[in-house]
């Protein structure tokens, strides 16, 4: 169901973020994001001159290569378009992410390492949807390729990381009762 009809308005700005997840032949995962910001009007830029409608103010890319444990093994950050000539200089700092694990607290750690003058606001913002895309890529793939009979029934199941991360996965809710009854806490 779409949003309700809006009040009369003028389109000014579009930000697009596209994220993709890939399984590599070597067993690692590439998670990529592309961000663009465009205006619907012309304006003057001290560095780039006249910016015409639709010309990206920001055009940025990031790739995280992660292993099965969600540990970042490689990072590539690229700024193809930015408001200032010096913006691309900061992309080297994103190598600080190598070795971090994408898990609860990841975004806080990113802000510690790359917040403020240590990073680019837009590239830091990309890391949240990248982390989500990482989970959306790896967890369903693993689940699809696992077989129930491969689990040793004498060992208790490991608590899924998704539990209690949102309303749908509340341990006292319907989904947990259906899919992970051993972790259901409702009455």
N, C-alpha and C. Protein backbone atom coordinates (compact mmCIF):
# COMPACT_ATOMS: atom_id res chain seq x y z
N UNK A 1 0.85 -1.17 0.00
CA UNK A 1 0.00 0.00 0.00
C UNK A 1 0.89 1.24 0.00
N UNK A 2 0.76 2.12 -0.98
CA UNK A 2 1.60 3.31 -1.03
C UNK A 2 1.19 4.34 0.02
N UNK A 3 2.01 5.39 0.14
CA UNK A 3 1.66 6.49 1.03
C UNK A 3 0.41 7.19 0.52
N UNK A 4 -0.22 7.94 1.40
CA UNK A 4 -1.40 8.71 1.00
C UNK A 4 -0.98 9.82 0.03
N UNK A 5 -1.95 10.40 -0.64
CA UNK A 5 -1.67 11.48 -1.59
C UNK A 5 -1.04 12.66 -0.83
N UNK A 6 0.06 13.21 -1.35
CA UNK A 6 0.73 14.31 -0.65
C UNK A 6 0.07 15.66 -0.92
N UNK A 7 0.44 16.62 -0.12
CA UNK A 7 0.05 18.02 -0.37
C UNK A 7 0.79 18.48 -1.64
N UNK A 8 0.32 19.51 -2.31
CA UNK A 8 1.05 20.02 -3.47
C UNK A 8 2.49 20.36 -3.08
N UNK A 9 3.44 20.00 -3.95
CA UNK A 9 4.84 20.15 -3.58
C UNK A 9 5.74 20.18 -4.82
N UNK A 10 7.02 20.52 -4.60
CA UNK A 10 8.02 20.58 -5.66
C UNK A 10 9.16 19.62 -5.31
N UNK A 11 9.52 18.76 -6.24
CA UNK A 11 10.63 17.82 -6.04
C UNK A 11 11.94 18.60 -6.05
N UNK A 12 12.78 18.43 -5.03
CA UNK A 12 14.02 19.18 -4.88
C UNK A 12 15.25 18.28 -4.91
N UNK A 13 15.19 17.14 -4.25
CA UNK A 13 16.39 16.32 -4.02
C UNK A 13 16.03 14.84 -4.09
N UNK A 14 16.96 14.04 -4.60
CA UNK A 14 16.81 12.58 -4.59
C UNK A 14 18.11 11.96 -4.09
N UNK A 15 17.99 11.15 -3.08
CA UNK A 15 19.11 10.31 -2.63
C UNK A 15 18.73 8.88 -2.96
N UNK A 16 19.64 8.19 -3.63
CA UNK A 16 19.43 6.78 -3.92
C UNK A 16 20.57 5.98 -3.31
N UNK A 17 20.19 4.90 -2.64
CA UNK A 17 21.17 3.96 -2.11
C UNK A 17 20.77 2.58 -2.61
N UNK A 18 21.70 1.93 -3.27
CA UNK A 18 21.45 0.57 -3.73
C UNK A 18 22.52 -0.33 -3.13
N UNK A 19 22.08 -1.42 -2.53
CA UNK A 19 22.98 -2.38 -1.91
C UNK A 19 22.78 -3.73 -2.56
N UNK A 20 23.88 -4.46 -2.72
CA UNK A 20 23.84 -5.80 -3.30
C UNK A 20 24.78 -6.72 -2.54
N UNK A 21 24.37 -7.99 -2.41
CA UNK A 21 25.20 -8.99 -1.76
C UNK A 21 25.57 -10.09 -2.74
N UNK A 22 26.82 -10.53 -2.68
CA UNK A 22 27.34 -11.55 -3.60
C UNK A 22 28.09 -12.63 -2.84
N UNK A 23 27.94 -13.86 -3.28
CA UNK A 23 28.74 -14.99 -2.79
C UNK A 23 29.91 -15.14 -3.75
N UNK A 24 31.11 -15.11 -3.24
CA UNK A 24 32.30 -15.23 -4.08
C UNK A 24 32.70 -16.69 -4.25
N UNK A 25 33.42 -16.98 -5.31
CA UNK A 25 33.89 -18.34 -5.55
C UNK A 25 34.82 -18.84 -4.46
N UNK A 26 35.54 -17.92 -3.80
CA UNK A 26 36.48 -18.32 -2.75
C UNK A 26 35.80 -18.52 -1.40
N UNK A 27 34.45 -18.39 -1.34
CA UNK A 27 33.72 -18.62 -0.10
C UNK A 27 33.46 -17.36 0.70
N UNK A 28 34.08 -16.26 0.34
CA UNK A 28 33.81 -14.99 1.02
C UNK A 28 32.57 -14.34 0.41
N UNK A 29 32.18 -13.22 0.99
CA UNK A 29 31.00 -12.48 0.56
C UNK A 29 31.40 -11.05 0.24
N UNK A 30 30.91 -10.51 -0.88
CA UNK A 30 31.07 -9.10 -1.20
C UNK A 30 29.72 -8.42 -1.01
N UNK A 31 29.71 -7.37 -0.20
CA UNK A 31 28.52 -6.59 0.04
C UNK A 31 28.83 -5.18 -0.45
N UNK A 32 28.06 -4.71 -1.43
CA UNK A 32 28.36 -3.44 -2.08
C UNK A 32 27.21 -2.46 -1.93
N UNK A 33 27.58 -1.17 -1.86
CA UNK A 33 26.58 -0.10 -1.81
C UNK A 33 27.01 1.03 -2.72
N UNK A 34 26.01 1.69 -3.30
CA UNK A 34 26.22 2.84 -4.17
C UNK A 34 25.25 3.93 -3.73
N UNK A 35 25.77 5.12 -3.48
CA UNK A 35 24.96 6.25 -3.03
C UNK A 35 25.09 7.38 -4.03
N UNK A 36 23.95 7.97 -4.41
CA UNK A 36 23.97 9.19 -5.21
C UNK A 36 23.00 10.19 -4.61
N UNK A 37 23.37 11.46 -4.70
CA UNK A 37 22.51 12.59 -4.35
C UNK A 37 22.43 13.48 -5.57
N UNK A 38 21.23 13.83 -6.01
CA UNK A 38 21.05 14.75 -7.13
C UNK A 38 20.01 15.80 -6.77
N UNK A 39 20.18 16.97 -7.37
CA UNK A 39 19.22 18.08 -7.21
C UNK A 39 18.41 18.22 -8.49
N UNK A 40 17.25 18.84 -8.37
CA UNK A 40 16.39 19.06 -9.53
C UNK A 40 16.61 20.46 -10.12
N UNK A 41 17.57 21.20 -9.61
CA UNK A 41 17.81 22.58 -10.03
C UNK A 41 19.32 22.78 -10.24
N UNK A 42 19.68 23.80 -10.97
CA UNK A 42 21.09 24.16 -11.17
C UNK A 42 21.58 25.00 -9.99
N UNK A 43 22.86 24.85 -9.70
CA UNK A 43 23.50 25.69 -8.68
C UNK A 43 24.99 25.76 -8.97
N UNK A 44 25.66 26.73 -8.39
CA UNK A 44 27.08 26.92 -8.60
C UNK A 44 27.88 26.24 -7.50
N UNK A 45 28.92 25.54 -7.92
CA UNK A 45 29.85 24.90 -6.99
C UNK A 45 31.21 25.57 -7.18
N UNK A 46 31.85 25.97 -6.08
CA UNK A 46 33.17 26.61 -6.17
C UNK A 46 34.18 25.71 -6.87
N UNK A 47 34.06 24.41 -6.66
CA UNK A 47 35.04 23.47 -7.23
C UNK A 47 34.61 22.94 -8.59
N UNK A 48 33.33 22.60 -8.75
CA UNK A 48 32.87 21.92 -9.95
C UNK A 48 32.16 22.82 -10.96
N UNK A 49 31.99 24.10 -10.64
CA UNK A 49 31.31 25.01 -11.56
C UNK A 49 29.81 24.85 -11.49
N UNK A 50 29.13 25.04 -12.61
CA UNK A 50 27.67 24.93 -12.64
C UNK A 50 27.25 23.48 -12.56
N UNK A 51 26.45 23.20 -11.57
CA UNK A 51 25.90 21.86 -11.39
C UNK A 51 24.50 21.87 -11.97
N UNK A 52 24.30 21.11 -13.03
CA UNK A 52 22.99 21.07 -13.68
C UNK A 52 22.09 20.04 -13.01
N UNK A 53 20.77 20.18 -13.19
CA UNK A 53 19.85 19.21 -12.58
C UNK A 53 20.20 17.78 -12.99
N UNK A 54 20.20 16.89 -12.01
CA UNK A 54 20.48 15.48 -12.27
C UNK A 54 21.95 15.09 -12.19
N UNK A 55 22.85 16.07 -12.11
CA UNK A 55 24.27 15.77 -11.95
C UNK A 55 24.52 15.37 -10.50
N UNK A 56 25.12 14.21 -10.26
CA UNK A 56 25.33 13.80 -8.87
C UNK A 56 26.22 14.76 -8.08
N UNK A 57 25.69 15.22 -6.96
CA UNK A 57 26.48 15.99 -6.00
C UNK A 57 27.39 15.00 -5.27
N UNK A 58 26.82 13.87 -4.93
CA UNK A 58 27.57 12.75 -4.32
C UNK A 58 27.37 11.53 -5.20
N UNK A 59 28.46 10.82 -5.44
CA UNK A 59 28.43 9.54 -6.16
C UNK A 59 29.52 8.70 -5.50
N UNK A 60 29.10 7.81 -4.62
CA UNK A 60 30.03 7.08 -3.75
C UNK A 60 29.72 5.59 -3.76
N UNK A 61 30.77 4.82 -3.60
CA UNK A 61 30.67 3.36 -3.62
C UNK A 61 31.43 2.79 -2.42
N UNK A 62 30.95 1.65 -1.94
CA UNK A 62 31.71 0.92 -0.91
C UNK A 62 31.47 -0.57 -1.09
N UNK A 63 32.55 -1.33 -0.90
CA UNK A 63 32.47 -2.80 -0.91
C UNK A 63 33.12 -3.31 0.37
N UNK A 64 32.37 -4.14 1.09
CA UNK A 64 32.91 -4.88 2.23
C UNK A 64 33.02 -6.33 1.81
N UNK A 65 34.17 -6.92 2.03
CA UNK A 65 34.34 -8.36 1.83
C UNK A 65 34.37 -8.98 3.22
N UNK A 66 33.42 -9.90 3.47
CA UNK A 66 33.30 -10.50 4.79
C UNK A 66 33.35 -12.02 4.69
N UNK A 67 33.68 -12.64 5.82
CA UNK A 67 33.69 -14.11 5.86
C UNK A 67 32.38 -14.61 6.47
N UNK A 68 32.27 -15.91 6.64
CA UNK A 68 31.05 -16.52 7.18
C UNK A 68 30.74 -16.08 8.60
N UNK A 69 31.73 -15.56 9.31
CA UNK A 69 31.53 -15.08 10.67
C UNK A 69 31.26 -13.58 10.73
N UNK A 70 31.02 -12.97 9.55
CA UNK A 70 30.71 -11.54 9.44
C UNK A 70 31.90 -10.65 9.82
N UNK A 71 33.09 -11.17 9.69
CA UNK A 71 34.29 -10.38 9.94
C UNK A 71 34.73 -9.75 8.62
N UNK A 72 34.98 -8.45 8.66
CA UNK A 72 35.38 -7.73 7.46
C UNK A 72 36.83 -8.07 7.13
N UNK A 73 37.03 -8.60 5.94
CA UNK A 73 38.36 -9.00 5.48
C UNK A 73 38.98 -8.00 4.53
N UNK A 74 38.17 -7.19 3.84
CA UNK A 74 38.68 -6.15 2.93
C UNK A 74 37.62 -5.07 2.77
N UNK A 75 38.08 -3.86 2.48
CA UNK A 75 37.19 -2.72 2.27
C UNK A 75 37.68 -1.94 1.07
N UNK A 76 36.75 -1.50 0.25
CA UNK A 76 37.07 -0.56 -0.82
C UNK A 76 36.03 0.55 -0.76
N UNK A 77 36.49 1.80 -0.69
CA UNK A 77 35.60 2.96 -0.68
C UNK A 77 36.08 3.90 -1.78
N UNK A 78 35.12 4.39 -2.58
CA UNK A 78 35.43 5.26 -3.71
C UNK A 78 34.46 6.43 -3.72
N UNK A 79 34.99 7.63 -3.94
CA UNK A 79 34.17 8.81 -4.13
C UNK A 79 34.40 9.31 -5.54
N UNK A 80 33.41 9.09 -6.41
CA UNK A 80 33.50 9.55 -7.80
C UNK A 80 33.06 11.00 -7.95
N UNK A 81 32.14 11.45 -7.12
CA UNK A 81 31.68 12.84 -7.17
C UNK A 81 31.42 13.30 -5.74
N UNK A 82 31.82 14.53 -5.47
CA UNK A 82 31.64 15.11 -4.15
C UNK A 82 31.60 16.63 -4.28
N UNK A 83 31.14 17.31 -3.26
CA UNK A 83 31.07 18.77 -3.34
C UNK A 83 32.45 19.45 -3.31
N UNK A 84 33.44 18.76 -2.77
CA UNK A 84 34.77 19.37 -2.62
C UNK A 84 35.84 18.43 -3.15
N UNK A 85 36.87 19.00 -3.69
CA UNK A 85 37.95 18.23 -4.31
C UNK A 85 38.64 17.31 -3.31
N UNK A 86 38.72 17.71 -2.05
CA UNK A 86 39.46 16.92 -1.07
C UNK A 86 38.68 15.76 -0.49
N UNK A 87 37.37 15.68 -0.72
CA UNK A 87 36.54 14.61 -0.14
C UNK A 87 37.08 13.20 -0.38
N UNK A 88 37.53 12.86 -1.60
CA UNK A 88 38.01 11.49 -1.83
C UNK A 88 39.24 11.10 -1.01
N UNK A 89 39.96 12.08 -0.47
CA UNK A 89 41.18 11.79 0.29
C UNK A 89 40.92 10.93 1.52
N UNK A 90 39.71 10.99 2.08
CA UNK A 90 39.41 10.30 3.34
C UNK A 90 39.10 8.82 3.14
N UNK A 91 38.90 8.38 1.90
CA UNK A 91 38.48 6.98 1.70
C UNK A 91 39.50 5.99 2.23
N UNK A 92 40.77 6.35 2.26
CA UNK A 92 41.80 5.44 2.79
C UNK A 92 41.53 5.07 4.25
N UNK A 93 40.88 5.96 5.01
CA UNK A 93 40.61 5.68 6.42
C UNK A 93 39.65 4.51 6.62
N UNK A 94 38.91 4.15 5.60
CA UNK A 94 37.95 3.05 5.73
C UNK A 94 38.63 1.69 5.86
N UNK A 95 39.94 1.65 5.63
CA UNK A 95 40.69 0.42 5.89
C UNK A 95 40.68 0.06 7.37
N UNK A 96 40.34 1.02 8.22
CA UNK A 96 40.25 0.78 9.66
C UNK A 96 39.16 -0.25 10.00
N UNK A 97 38.25 -0.48 9.06
CA UNK A 97 37.16 -1.44 9.31
C UNK A 97 37.62 -2.89 9.19
N UNK A 98 38.75 -3.12 8.53
CA UNK A 98 39.22 -4.49 8.34
C UNK A 98 39.45 -5.13 9.72
N UNK A 99 38.87 -6.31 9.90
CA UNK A 99 38.99 -7.03 11.17
C UNK A 99 37.78 -6.87 12.08
N UNK A 100 36.95 -5.85 11.82
CA UNK A 100 35.75 -5.67 12.64
C UNK A 100 34.71 -6.73 12.29
N UNK A 101 33.88 -7.05 13.25
CA UNK A 101 32.80 -8.00 13.05
C UNK A 101 31.49 -7.22 12.95
N UNK A 102 30.69 -7.57 11.96
CA UNK A 102 29.38 -6.94 11.80
C UNK A 102 28.42 -7.68 12.73
N UNK A 103 28.15 -7.05 13.84
CA UNK A 103 27.31 -7.61 14.90
C UNK A 103 26.77 -6.45 15.72
N UNK A 104 25.93 -6.68 16.71
CA UNK A 104 25.47 -5.55 17.53
C UNK A 104 26.65 -4.72 18.04
N UNK A 105 26.53 -3.42 17.92
CA UNK A 105 27.61 -2.50 18.31
C UNK A 105 28.50 -2.09 17.16
N UNK A 106 28.29 -2.69 15.97
CA UNK A 106 29.13 -2.38 14.81
C UNK A 106 29.07 -0.91 14.44
N UNK A 107 27.88 -0.34 14.35
CA UNK A 107 27.75 1.06 13.92
C UNK A 107 28.38 1.99 14.94
N UNK A 108 28.26 1.68 16.22
CA UNK A 108 28.91 2.50 17.25
C UNK A 108 30.43 2.47 17.06
N UNK A 109 30.98 1.30 16.79
CA UNK A 109 32.42 1.18 16.56
C UNK A 109 32.83 1.95 15.30
N UNK A 110 32.00 1.88 14.25
CA UNK A 110 32.27 2.65 13.03
C UNK A 110 32.38 4.13 13.36
N UNK A 111 31.44 4.63 14.15
CA UNK A 111 31.46 6.06 14.50
C UNK A 111 32.69 6.41 15.34
N UNK A 112 33.15 5.49 16.18
CA UNK A 112 34.38 5.75 16.94
C UNK A 112 35.58 5.86 16.01
N UNK A 113 35.65 4.98 15.01
CA UNK A 113 36.80 4.94 14.11
C UNK A 113 36.75 5.99 13.00
N UNK A 114 35.53 6.31 12.54
CA UNK A 114 35.41 7.13 11.33
C UNK A 114 34.46 8.31 11.47
N UNK A 115 34.03 8.59 12.69
CA UNK A 115 33.14 9.73 12.90
C UNK A 115 33.89 11.05 12.82
N UNK A 116 33.13 12.11 12.69
CA UNK A 116 33.72 13.45 12.65
C UNK A 116 34.71 13.59 11.50
N UNK A 117 35.85 14.17 11.80
CA UNK A 117 36.84 14.48 10.76
C UNK A 117 37.63 13.27 10.29
N UNK A 118 37.38 12.09 10.87
CA UNK A 118 38.10 10.88 10.46
C UNK A 118 37.46 10.18 9.28
N UNK A 119 36.27 10.63 8.88
CA UNK A 119 35.58 9.96 7.79
C UNK A 119 34.70 10.92 7.02
N UNK A 120 33.89 10.36 6.17
CA UNK A 120 32.92 11.09 5.37
C UNK A 120 31.53 10.72 5.89
N UNK A 121 30.72 11.71 6.18
CA UNK A 121 29.39 11.47 6.70
C UNK A 121 28.61 10.49 5.83
N UNK A 122 28.71 10.67 4.51
CA UNK A 122 27.93 9.85 3.59
C UNK A 122 28.42 8.41 3.56
N UNK A 123 29.72 8.21 3.57
CA UNK A 123 30.25 6.84 3.59
C UNK A 123 29.95 6.15 4.91
N UNK A 124 30.01 6.89 6.01
CA UNK A 124 29.64 6.32 7.31
C UNK A 124 28.17 5.92 7.28
N UNK A 125 27.31 6.77 6.72
CA UNK A 125 25.88 6.44 6.63
C UNK A 125 25.64 5.18 5.80
N UNK A 126 26.48 4.95 4.78
CA UNK A 126 26.32 3.76 3.94
C UNK A 126 26.54 2.46 4.71
N UNK A 127 27.30 2.53 5.79
CA UNK A 127 27.64 1.31 6.51
C UNK A 127 26.44 0.67 7.21
N UNK A 128 25.43 1.45 7.56
CA UNK A 128 24.25 0.85 8.18
C UNK A 128 23.50 -0.03 7.18
N UNK A 129 23.12 0.48 5.99
CA UNK A 129 22.46 -0.43 5.04
C UNK A 129 23.39 -1.53 4.54
N UNK A 130 24.69 -1.29 4.50
CA UNK A 130 25.63 -2.36 4.13
C UNK A 130 25.57 -3.49 5.15
N UNK A 131 25.55 -3.15 6.43
CA UNK A 131 25.48 -4.18 7.48
C UNK A 131 24.18 -4.96 7.37
N UNK A 132 23.07 -4.27 7.15
CA UNK A 132 21.79 -4.95 6.99
C UNK A 132 21.80 -5.86 5.77
N UNK A 133 22.37 -5.37 4.68
CA UNK A 133 22.46 -6.17 3.45
C UNK A 133 23.32 -7.39 3.67
N UNK A 134 24.35 -7.26 4.48
CA UNK A 134 25.21 -8.40 4.82
C UNK A 134 24.37 -9.50 5.47
N UNK A 135 23.57 -9.15 6.47
CA UNK A 135 22.72 -10.15 7.12
C UNK A 135 21.69 -10.71 6.16
N UNK A 136 21.07 -9.83 5.36
CA UNK A 136 20.04 -10.28 4.42
C UNK A 136 20.62 -11.20 3.35
N UNK A 137 21.89 -11.06 3.06
CA UNK A 137 22.55 -11.90 2.06
C UNK A 137 22.94 -13.25 2.65
N UNK A 138 23.61 -13.22 3.79
CA UNK A 138 24.24 -14.43 4.32
C UNK A 138 23.26 -15.34 5.06
N UNK A 139 22.44 -14.79 5.97
CA UNK A 139 21.55 -15.65 6.76
C UNK A 139 20.59 -16.47 5.91
N UNK A 140 19.84 -15.85 4.99
CA UNK A 140 18.92 -16.68 4.19
C UNK A 140 19.65 -17.69 3.31
N UNK A 141 20.82 -17.32 2.80
CA UNK A 141 21.59 -18.24 1.96
C UNK A 141 21.98 -19.47 2.77
N UNK A 142 22.51 -19.22 3.97
CA UNK A 142 22.89 -20.33 4.84
C UNK A 142 21.69 -21.20 5.19
N UNK A 143 20.60 -20.55 5.56
CA UNK A 143 19.39 -21.29 5.95
C UNK A 143 18.91 -22.17 4.80
N UNK A 144 18.94 -21.64 3.60
CA UNK A 144 18.48 -22.38 2.42
C UNK A 144 19.37 -23.59 2.16
N UNK A 145 20.64 -23.49 2.51
CA UNK A 145 21.58 -24.58 2.22
C UNK A 145 21.81 -25.52 3.40
N UNK A 146 21.19 -25.21 4.53
CA UNK A 146 21.31 -26.12 5.67
C UNK A 146 20.20 -27.17 5.60
N UNK A 147 20.47 -28.30 6.10
CA UNK A 147 19.46 -29.37 6.18
C UNK A 147 19.24 -29.67 7.66
N UNK A 148 17.97 -29.84 8.02
CA UNK A 148 17.64 -30.13 9.42
C UNK A 148 18.37 -31.37 9.92
N UNK A 149 18.56 -32.35 9.04
CA UNK A 149 19.18 -33.60 9.50
C UNK A 149 20.69 -33.49 9.68
N UNK A 150 21.28 -32.33 9.37
CA UNK A 150 22.71 -32.18 9.59
C UNK A 150 23.01 -31.75 11.03
N UNK A 151 21.97 -31.29 11.74
CA UNK A 151 22.17 -30.88 13.12
C UNK A 151 22.14 -32.09 14.03
N UNK A 152 23.06 -32.14 14.96
CA UNK A 152 23.12 -33.23 15.94
C UNK A 152 21.98 -33.05 16.94
N UNK A 153 20.96 -33.92 16.93
CA UNK A 153 19.81 -33.74 17.82
C UNK A 153 20.16 -33.87 19.30
N UNK A 154 21.32 -34.43 19.62
CA UNK A 154 21.69 -34.56 21.03
C UNK A 154 22.22 -33.25 21.59
N UNK A 155 22.57 -32.30 20.70
CA UNK A 155 23.07 -30.99 21.15
C UNK A 155 21.94 -29.97 21.03
N UNK A 156 21.83 -29.09 22.03
CA UNK A 156 20.78 -28.07 21.94
C UNK A 156 21.06 -27.11 20.79
N UNK A 157 19.97 -26.62 20.18
CA UNK A 157 20.11 -25.66 19.09
C UNK A 157 20.69 -24.35 19.62
N UNK A 158 21.46 -23.69 18.78
CA UNK A 158 22.02 -22.40 19.16
C UNK A 158 20.94 -21.33 18.97
N UNK A 159 20.87 -20.41 19.89
CA UNK A 159 19.87 -19.34 19.84
C UNK A 159 20.13 -18.47 18.60
N UNK A 160 19.16 -18.32 17.72
CA UNK A 160 19.34 -17.48 16.54
C UNK A 160 19.61 -16.02 16.92
N UNK A 161 20.55 -15.39 16.22
CA UNK A 161 20.90 -14.00 16.50
C UNK A 161 19.74 -13.04 16.28
N UNK A 162 18.80 -13.43 15.43
CA UNK A 162 17.68 -12.54 15.10
C UNK A 162 16.72 -12.32 16.26
N UNK A 163 16.70 -13.23 17.21
CA UNK A 163 15.71 -13.15 18.28
C UNK A 163 15.86 -11.85 19.07
N UNK A 164 14.71 -11.24 19.32
CA UNK A 164 14.60 -9.98 20.06
C UNK A 164 15.29 -8.79 19.39
N UNK A 165 15.50 -8.87 18.06
CA UNK A 165 16.09 -7.73 17.35
C UNK A 165 15.03 -6.79 16.80
N UNK A 166 13.78 -7.23 16.75
CA UNK A 166 12.68 -6.38 16.28
C UNK A 166 11.36 -6.99 16.76
N UNK A 167 10.28 -6.28 16.48
CA UNK A 167 8.95 -6.72 16.89
C UNK A 167 8.63 -8.13 16.40
N UNK A 168 8.90 -8.38 15.11
CA UNK A 168 8.54 -9.68 14.52
C UNK A 168 9.29 -10.84 15.17
N UNK A 169 10.50 -10.61 15.63
CA UNK A 169 11.31 -11.68 16.21
C UNK A 169 11.34 -11.67 17.74
N UNK A 170 10.33 -11.06 18.36
CA UNK A 170 10.22 -11.08 19.83
C UNK A 170 10.09 -12.52 20.30
N UNK A 171 10.82 -12.88 21.34
CA UNK A 171 10.80 -14.27 21.80
C UNK A 171 9.45 -14.69 22.36
N UNK A 172 8.58 -13.73 22.66
CA UNK A 172 7.24 -14.08 23.11
C UNK A 172 6.21 -13.94 21.98
N UNK A 173 6.69 -13.84 20.75
CA UNK A 173 5.80 -13.62 19.62
C UNK A 173 5.51 -14.85 18.78
N UNK A 174 4.61 -14.66 17.81
CA UNK A 174 4.11 -15.74 16.97
C UNK A 174 5.19 -16.40 16.11
N UNK A 175 6.09 -15.59 15.53
CA UNK A 175 7.10 -16.18 14.65
C UNK A 175 8.07 -17.09 15.41
N UNK A 176 8.50 -16.64 16.57
CA UNK A 176 9.42 -17.46 17.36
C UNK A 176 8.72 -18.73 17.82
N UNK A 177 7.46 -18.61 18.23
CA UNK A 177 6.71 -19.80 18.65
C UNK A 177 6.63 -20.81 17.51
N UNK A 178 6.47 -20.32 16.28
CA UNK A 178 6.34 -21.22 15.13
C UNK A 178 7.68 -21.80 14.67
N UNK A 179 8.70 -20.95 14.53
CA UNK A 179 9.96 -21.39 13.93
C UNK A 179 11.02 -21.84 14.93
N UNK A 180 11.00 -21.30 16.14
CA UNK A 180 12.00 -21.66 17.15
C UNK A 180 11.30 -21.89 18.50
N UNK A 181 10.44 -22.88 18.57
CA UNK A 181 9.65 -23.07 19.80
C UNK A 181 10.53 -23.27 21.04
N UNK A 182 11.73 -23.81 20.84
CA UNK A 182 12.60 -24.04 22.00
C UNK A 182 13.07 -22.72 22.63
N UNK A 183 12.92 -21.59 21.91
CA UNK A 183 13.32 -20.28 22.45
C UNK A 183 12.12 -19.39 22.73
N UNK A 184 10.93 -19.93 22.57
CA UNK A 184 9.71 -19.14 22.81
C UNK A 184 9.54 -18.90 24.30
N UNK A 185 9.25 -17.65 24.68
CA UNK A 185 9.11 -17.29 26.09
C UNK A 185 7.69 -16.86 26.48
N UNK A 186 6.76 -16.87 25.50
CA UNK A 186 5.38 -16.48 25.80
C UNK A 186 4.63 -17.53 26.57
N UNK A 187 3.40 -17.21 26.89
CA UNK A 187 2.59 -18.16 27.66
C UNK A 187 1.75 -19.01 26.74
